[in-house]
Amino acid sequence: MAKTNPFEFLQQVRAEASKVTWPTRKETMITTGMVFVMVIVACLFFFVADSVIQFAIRALLG
């Protein structure tokens, strides 16, 4: 692989960065909201699962 000098490297980085399709502010806010909702759903799921397992173990051992 041929080595490039720093100036050529920066030009290549700039060219690649210009090809990136950046999300709009609205898309970013919607995606962030969806992430928070999924985190809350996962928290509730694991809380319920943990409670059920705790109840079952206490019923077996208690």
PDB file of N, CA and C in Angstrom:
ATOM      1  N   MET A   1       0.852  -1.176   0.000  1.00  0.00           N
ATOM      2  CA  MET A   1       0.000   0.000   0.000  1.00  0.00           C
ATOM      3  C   MET A   1       0.897   1.239   0.000  1.00  0.00           C
ATOM      4  N   ALA A   2       0.656   2.108  -0.937  1.00  0.00           N
ATOM      5  CA  ALA A   2       1.490   3.301  -1.079  1.00  0.00           C
ATOM      6  C   ALA A   2       1.192   4.284   0.043  1.00  0.00           C
ATOM      7  N   LYS A   3       2.243   4.902   0.541  1.00  0.00           N
ATOM      8  CA  LYS A   3       2.076   5.904   1.590  1.00  0.00           C
ATOM      9  C   LYS A   3       1.764   7.245   0.940  1.00  0.00           C
ATOM     10  N   THR A   4       0.880   8.004   1.592  1.00  0.00           N
ATOM     11  CA  THR A   4       0.556   9.328   1.097  1.00  0.00           C
ATOM     12  C   THR A   4       1.084  10.356   2.071  1.00  0.00           C
ATOM     13  N   ASN A   5       1.348  11.535   1.570  1.00  0.00           N
ATOM     14  CA  ASN A   5       1.822  12.576   2.478  1.00  0.00           C
ATOM     15  C   ASN A   5       0.636  13.155   3.238  1.00  0.00           C
ATOM     16  N   PRO A   6       0.878  13.850   4.335  1.00  0.00           N
ATOM     17  CA  PRO A   6      -0.224  14.367   5.164  1.00  0.00           C
ATOM     18  C   PRO A   6      -1.197  15.262   4.409  1.00  0.00           C
ATOM     19  N   PHE A   7      -0.696  16.065   3.474  1.00  0.00           N
ATOM     20  CA  PHE A   7      -1.584  16.951   2.721  1.00  0.00           C
ATOM     21  C   PHE A   7      -2.563  16.147   1.864  1.00  0.00           C
ATOM     22  N   GLU A   8      -2.084  15.125   1.178  1.00  0.00           N
ATOM     23  CA  GLU A   8      -2.958  14.270   0.369  1.00  0.00           C
ATOM     24  C   GLU A   8      -3.956  13.532   1.253  1.00  0.00           C
ATOM     25  N   PHE A   9      -3.487  13.090   2.412  1.00  0.00           N
ATOM     26  CA  PHE A   9      -4.373  12.387   3.344  1.00  0.00           C
ATOM     27  C   PHE A   9      -5.524  13.294   3.768  1.00  0.00           C
ATOM     28  N   LEU A  10      -5.207  14.536   4.119  1.00  0.00           N
ATOM     29  CA  LEU A  10      -6.265  15.468   4.527  1.00  0.00           C
ATOM     30  C   LEU A  10      -7.233  15.755   3.381  1.00  0.00           C
ATOM     31  N   GLN A  11      -6.740  15.827   2.174  1.00  0.00           N
ATOM     32  CA  GLN A  11      -7.624  16.014   1.019  1.00  0.00           C
ATOM     33  C   GLN A  11      -8.559  14.825   0.851  1.00  0.00           C
ATOM     34  N   GLN A  12      -8.028  13.619   1.048  1.00  0.00           N
ATOM     35  CA  GLN A  12      -8.853  12.416   0.923  1.00  0.00           C
ATOM     36  C   GLN A  12      -9.904  12.361   2.035  1.00  0.00           C
ATOM     37  N   VAL A  13      -9.507  12.750   3.240  1.00  0.00           N
ATOM     38  CA  VAL A  13     -10.452  12.762   4.357  1.00  0.00           C
ATOM     39  C   VAL A  13     -11.570  13.758   4.073  1.00  0.00           C
ATOM     40  N   ARG A  14     -11.224  14.942   3.575  1.00  0.00           N
ATOM     41  CA  ARG A  14     -12.231  15.954   3.266  1.00  0.00           C
ATOM     42  C   ARG A  14     -13.169  15.454   2.165  1.00  0.00           C
ATOM     43  N   ALA A  15     -12.628  14.780   1.158  1.00  0.00           N
ATOM     44  CA  ALA A  15     -13.452  14.257   0.069  1.00  0.00           C
ATOM     45  C   ALA A  15     -14.417  13.191   0.589  1.00  0.00           C
ATOM     46  N   GLU A  16     -13.958  12.317   1.466  1.00  0.00           N
ATOM     47  CA  GLU A  16     -14.832  11.277   2.022  1.00  0.00           C
ATOM     48  C   GLU A  16     -15.891  11.888   2.936  1.00  0.00           C
ATOM     49  N   ALA A  17     -15.499  12.889   3.723  1.00  0.00           N
ATOM     50  CA  ALA A  17     -16.457  13.528   4.633  1.00  0.00           C
ATOM     51  C   ALA A  17     -17.556  14.247   3.864  1.00  0.00           C
ATOM     52  N   SER A  18     -17.241  14.748   2.674  1.00  0.00           N
ATOM     53  CA  SER A  18     -18.269  15.430   1.886  1.00  0.00           C
ATOM     54  C   SER A  18     -19.288  14.446   1.316  1.00  0.00           C
ATOM     55  N   LYS A  19     -18.953  13.161   1.265  1.00  0.00           N
ATOM     56  CA  LYS A  19     -19.879  12.144   0.761  1.00  0.00           C
ATOM     57  C   LYS A  19     -20.879  11.684   1.814  1.00  0.00           C
ATOM     58  N   VAL A  20     -20.619  12.017   3.073  1.00  0.00           N
ATOM     59  CA  VAL A  20     -21.477  11.566   4.167  1.00  0.00           C
ATOM     60  C   VAL A  20     -22.808  12.297   4.107  1.00  0.00           C
ATOM     61  N   THR A  21     -23.888  11.563   4.293  1.00  0.00           N
ATOM     62  CA  THR A  21     -25.214  12.154   4.380  1.00  0.00           C
ATOM     63  C   THR A  21     -25.546  12.343   5.850  1.00  0.00           C
ATOM     64  N   TRP A  22     -25.534  13.582   6.300  1.00  0.00           N
ATOM     65  CA  TRP A  22     -25.767  13.862   7.705  1.00  0.00           C
ATOM     66  C   TRP A  22     -27.268  13.936   7.972  1.00  0.00           C
ATOM     67  N   PRO A  23     -27.731  13.434   9.133  1.00  0.00           N
ATOM     68  CA  PRO A  23     -29.162  13.503   9.443  1.00  0.00           C
ATOM     69  C   PRO A  23     -29.575  14.941   9.759  1.00  0.00           C
ATOM     70  N   THR A  24     -30.841  15.209   9.533  1.00  0.00           N
ATOM     71  CA  THR A  24     -31.374  16.525   9.872  1.00  0.00           C
ATOM     72  C   THR A  24     -31.586  16.600  11.381  1.00  0.00           C
ATOM     73  N   ARG A  25     -31.818  17.792  11.870  1.00  0.00           N
ATOM     74  CA  ARG A  25     -32.068  17.970  13.311  1.00  0.00           C
ATOM     75  C   ARG A  25     -33.315  17.182  13.735  1.00  0.00           C
ATOM     76  N   LYS A  26     -34.346  17.195  12.888  1.00  0.00           N
ATOM     77  CA  LYS A  26     -35.588  16.474  13.204  1.00  0.00           C
ATOM     78  C   LYS A  26     -35.327  14.970  13.293  1.00  0.00           C
ATOM     79  N   GLU A  27     -34.579  14.421  12.344  1.00  0.00           N
ATOM     80  CA  GLU A  27     -34.259  12.990  12.376  1.00  0.00           C
ATOM     81  C   GLU A  27     -33.462  12.631  13.629  1.00  0.00           C
ATOM     82  N   THR A  28     -32.529  13.504  14.000  1.00  0.00           N
ATOM     83  CA  THR A  28     -31.727  13.252  15.196  1.00  0.00           C
ATOM     84  C   THR A  28     -32.596  13.259  16.448  1.00  0.00           C
ATOM     85  N   MET A  29     -33.511  14.204  16.542  1.00  0.00           N
ATOM     86  CA  MET A  29     -34.388  14.287  17.719  1.00  0.00           C
ATOM     87  C   MET A  29     -35.317  13.072  17.792  1.00  0.00           C
ATOM     88  N   ILE A  30     -35.860  12.648  16.654  1.00  0.00           N
ATOM     89  CA  ILE A  30     -36.751  11.481  16.637  1.00  0.00           C
ATOM     90  C   ILE A  30     -35.981  10.223  17.054  1.00  0.00           C
ATOM     91  N   THR A  31     -34.784  10.051  16.511  1.00  0.00           N
ATOM     92  CA  THR A  31     -33.975   8.878  16.846  1.00  0.00           C
ATOM     93  C   THR A  31     -33.595   8.883  18.318  1.00  0.00           C
ATOM     94  N   THR A  32     -33.248  10.054  18.848  1.00  0.00           N
ATOM     95  CA  THR A  32     -32.905  10.161  20.271  1.00  0.00           C
ATOM     96  C   THR A  32     -34.101   9.799  21.136  1.00  0.00           C
ATOM     97  N   GLY A  33     -35.270  10.284  20.757  1.00  0.00           N
ATOM     98  CA  GLY A  33     -36.483   9.949  21.498  1.00  0.00           C
ATOM     99  C   GLY A  33     -36.762   8.452  21.469  1.00  0.00           C
ATOM    100  N   MET A  34     -36.554   7.833  20.314  1.00  0.00           N
ATOM    101  CA  MET A  34     -36.780   6.391  20.202  1.00  0.00           C
ATOM    102  C   MET A  34     -35.797   5.622  21.094  1.00  0.00           C
ATOM    103  N   VAL A  35     -34.570   6.093  21.167  1.00  0.00           N
ATOM    104  CA  VAL A  35     -33.585   5.434  22.029  1.00  0.00           C
ATOM    105  C   VAL A  35     -34.023   5.523  23.494  1.00  0.00           C
ATOM    106  N   PHE A  36     -34.476   6.698  23.928  1.00  0.00           N
ATOM    107  CA  PHE A  36     -34.930   6.839  25.313  1.00  0.00           C
ATOM    108  C   PHE A  36     -36.136   5.938  25.602  1.00  0.00           C
ATOM    109  N   VAL A  37     -37.068   5.849  24.660  1.00  0.00           N
ATOM    110  CA  VAL A  37     -38.234   4.977  24.847  1.00  0.00           C
ATOM    111  C   VAL A  37     -37.794   3.519  24.964  1.00  0.00           C
ATOM    112  N   MET A  38     -36.878   3.087  24.105  1.00  0.00           N
ATOM    113  CA  MET A  38     -36.415   1.700  24.161  1.00  0.00           C
ATOM    114  C   MET A  38     -35.653   1.416  25.454  1.00  0.00           C
ATOM    115  N   VAL A  39     -34.914   2.385  25.966  1.00  0.00           N
ATOM    116  CA  VAL A  39     -34.213   2.207  27.243  1.00  0.00           C
ATOM    117  C   VAL A  39     -35.232   2.020  28.362  1.00  0.00           C
ATOM    118  N   ILE A  40     -36.284   2.810  28.360  1.00  0.00           N
ATOM    119  CA  ILE A  40     -37.317   2.677  29.393  1.00  0.00           C
ATOM    120  C   ILE A  40     -38.010   1.322  29.282  1.00  0.00           C
ATOM    121  N   VAL A  41     -38.334   0.887  28.060  1.00  0.00           N
ATOM    122  CA  VAL A  41     -38.970  -0.418  27.858  1.00  0.00           C
ATOM    123  C   VAL A  41     -38.045  -1.539  28.355  1.00  0.00           C
ATOM    124  N   ALA A  42     -36.756  -1.447  28.042  1.00  0.00           N
ATOM    125  CA  ALA A  42     -35.803  -2.473  28.491  1.00  0.00           C
ATOM    126  C   ALA A  42     -35.697  -2.477  30.005  1.00  0.00           C
ATOM    127  N   CYS A  43     -35.679  -1.297  30.621  1.00  0.00           N
ATOM    128  CA  CYS A  43     -35.620  -1.220  32.085  1.00  0.00           C
ATOM    129  C   CYS A  43     -36.840  -1.887  32.719  1.00  0.00           C
ATOM    130  N   LEU A  44     -38.009  -1.591  32.185  1.00  0.00           N
ATOM    131  CA  LEU A  44     -39.223  -2.198  32.720  1.00  0.00           C
ATOM    132  C   LEU A  44     -39.218  -3.713  32.534  1.00  0.00           C
ATOM    133  N   PHE A  45     -38.791  -4.169  31.361  1.00  0.00           N
ATOM    134  CA  PHE A  45     -38.735  -5.605  31.112  1.00  0.00           C
ATOM    135  C   PHE A  45     -37.820  -6.302  32.112  1.00  0.00           C
ATOM    136  N   PHE A  46     -36.601  -5.775  32.286  1.00  0.00           N
ATOM    137  CA  PHE A  46     -35.666  -6.425  33.194  1.00  0.00           C
ATOM    138  C   PHE A  46     -36.100  -6.309  34.655  1.00  0.00           C
ATOM    139  N   PHE A  47     -36.787  -5.223  35.009  1.00  0.00           N
ATOM    140  CA  PHE A  47     -37.320  -5.115  36.364  1.00  0.00           C
ATOM    141  C   PHE A  47     -38.371  -6.199  36.616  1.00  0.00           C
ATOM    142  N   VAL A  48     -39.284  -6.375  35.655  1.00  0.00           N
ATOM    143  CA  VAL A  48     -40.322  -7.403  35.806  1.00  0.00           C
ATOM    144  C   VAL A  48     -39.702  -8.794  35.809  1.00  0.00           C
ATOM    145  N   ALA A  49     -38.771  -9.055  34.906  1.00  0.00           N
ATOM    146  CA  ALA A  49     -38.121 -10.363  34.856  1.00  0.00           C
ATOM    147  C   ALA A  49     -37.374 -10.644  36.154  1.00  0.00           C
ATOM    148  N   ASP A  50     -36.675  -9.652  36.678  1.00  0.00           N
ATOM    149  CA  ASP A  50     -35.949  -9.823  37.937  1.00  0.00           C
ATOM    150  C   ASP A  50     -36.909 -10.083  39.095  1.00  0.00           C
ATOM    151  N   SER A  51     -38.025  -9.374  39.106  1.00  0.00           N
ATOM    152  CA  SER A  51     -39.017  -9.580  40.169  1.00  0.00           C
ATOM    153  C   SER A  51     -39.613 -10.986  40.120  1.00  0.00           C
ATOM    154  N   VAL A  52     -39.906 -11.466  38.923  1.00  0.00           N
ATOM    155  CA  VAL A  52     -40.464 -12.817  38.771  1.00  0.00           C
ATOM    156  C   VAL A  52     -39.452 -13.861  39.217  1.00  0.00           C
ATOM    157  N   ILE A  53     -38.205 -13.705  38.812  1.00  0.00           N
ATOM    158  CA  ILE A  53     -37.164 -14.659  39.212  1.00  0.00           C
ATOM    159  C   ILE A  53     -36.955 -14.620  40.719  1.00  0.00           C
ATOM    160  N   GLN A  54     -36.947 -13.415  41.297  1.00  0.00           N
ATOM    161  CA  GLN A  54     -36.792 -13.282  42.748  1.00  0.00           C
ATOM    162  C   GLN A  54     -37.944 -13.953  43.475  1.00  0.00           C
ATOM    163  N   PHE A  55     -39.178 -13.775  42.997  1.00  0.00           N
ATOM    164  CA  PHE A  55     -40.332 -14.408  43.618  1.00  0.00           C
ATOM    165  C   PHE A  55     -40.240 -15.927  43.529  1.00  0.00           C
ATOM    166  N   ALA A  56     -39.816 -16.438  42.365  1.00  0.00           N
ATOM    167  CA  ALA A  56     -39.710 -17.880  42.191  1.00  0.00           C
ATOM    168  C   ALA A  56     -38.632 -18.478  43.108  1.00  0.00           C
ATOM    169  N   ILE A  57     -37.525 -17.812  43.221  1.00  0.00           N
ATOM    170  CA  ILE A  57     -36.439 -18.333  44.078  1.00  0.00           C
ATOM    171  C   ILE A  57     -36.869 -18.299  45.543  1.00  0.00           C
ATOM    172  N   ARG A  58     -37.517 -17.220  45.959  1.00  0.00           N
ATOM    173  CA  ARG A  58     -37.985 -17.145  47.352  1.00  0.00           C
ATOM    174  C   ARG A  58     -39.055 -18.213  47.627  1.00  0.00           C
ATOM    175  N   ALA A  59     -39.883 -18.513  46.624  1.00  0.00           N
ATOM    176  CA  ALA A  59     -40.911 -19.542  46.816  1.00  0.00           C
ATOM    177  C   ALA A  59     -40.270 -20.904  46.934  1.00  0.00           C
ATOM    178  N   LEU A  60     -39.210 -21.144  46.172  1.00  0.00           N
ATOM    179  CA  LEU A  60     -38.535 -22.438  46.218  1.00  0.00           C
ATOM    180  C   LEU A  60     -37.713 -22.620  47.484  1.00  0.00           C
ATOM    181  N   LEU A  61     -37.023 -21.577  47.888  1.00  0.00           N
ATOM    182  CA  LEU A  61     -36.104 -21.685  49.032  1.00  0.00           C
ATOM    183  C   LEU A  61     -36.729 -21.266  50.363  1.00  0.00           C
ATOM    184  N   GLY A  62     -37.809 -20.540  50.299  1.00  0.00           N
ATOM    185  CA  GLY A  62     -38.328 -19.926  51.516  1.00  0.00           C
ATOM    186  C   GLY A  62     -39.331 -20.714  52.250  1.00  0.00           C
TER     187      GLY A  62
END
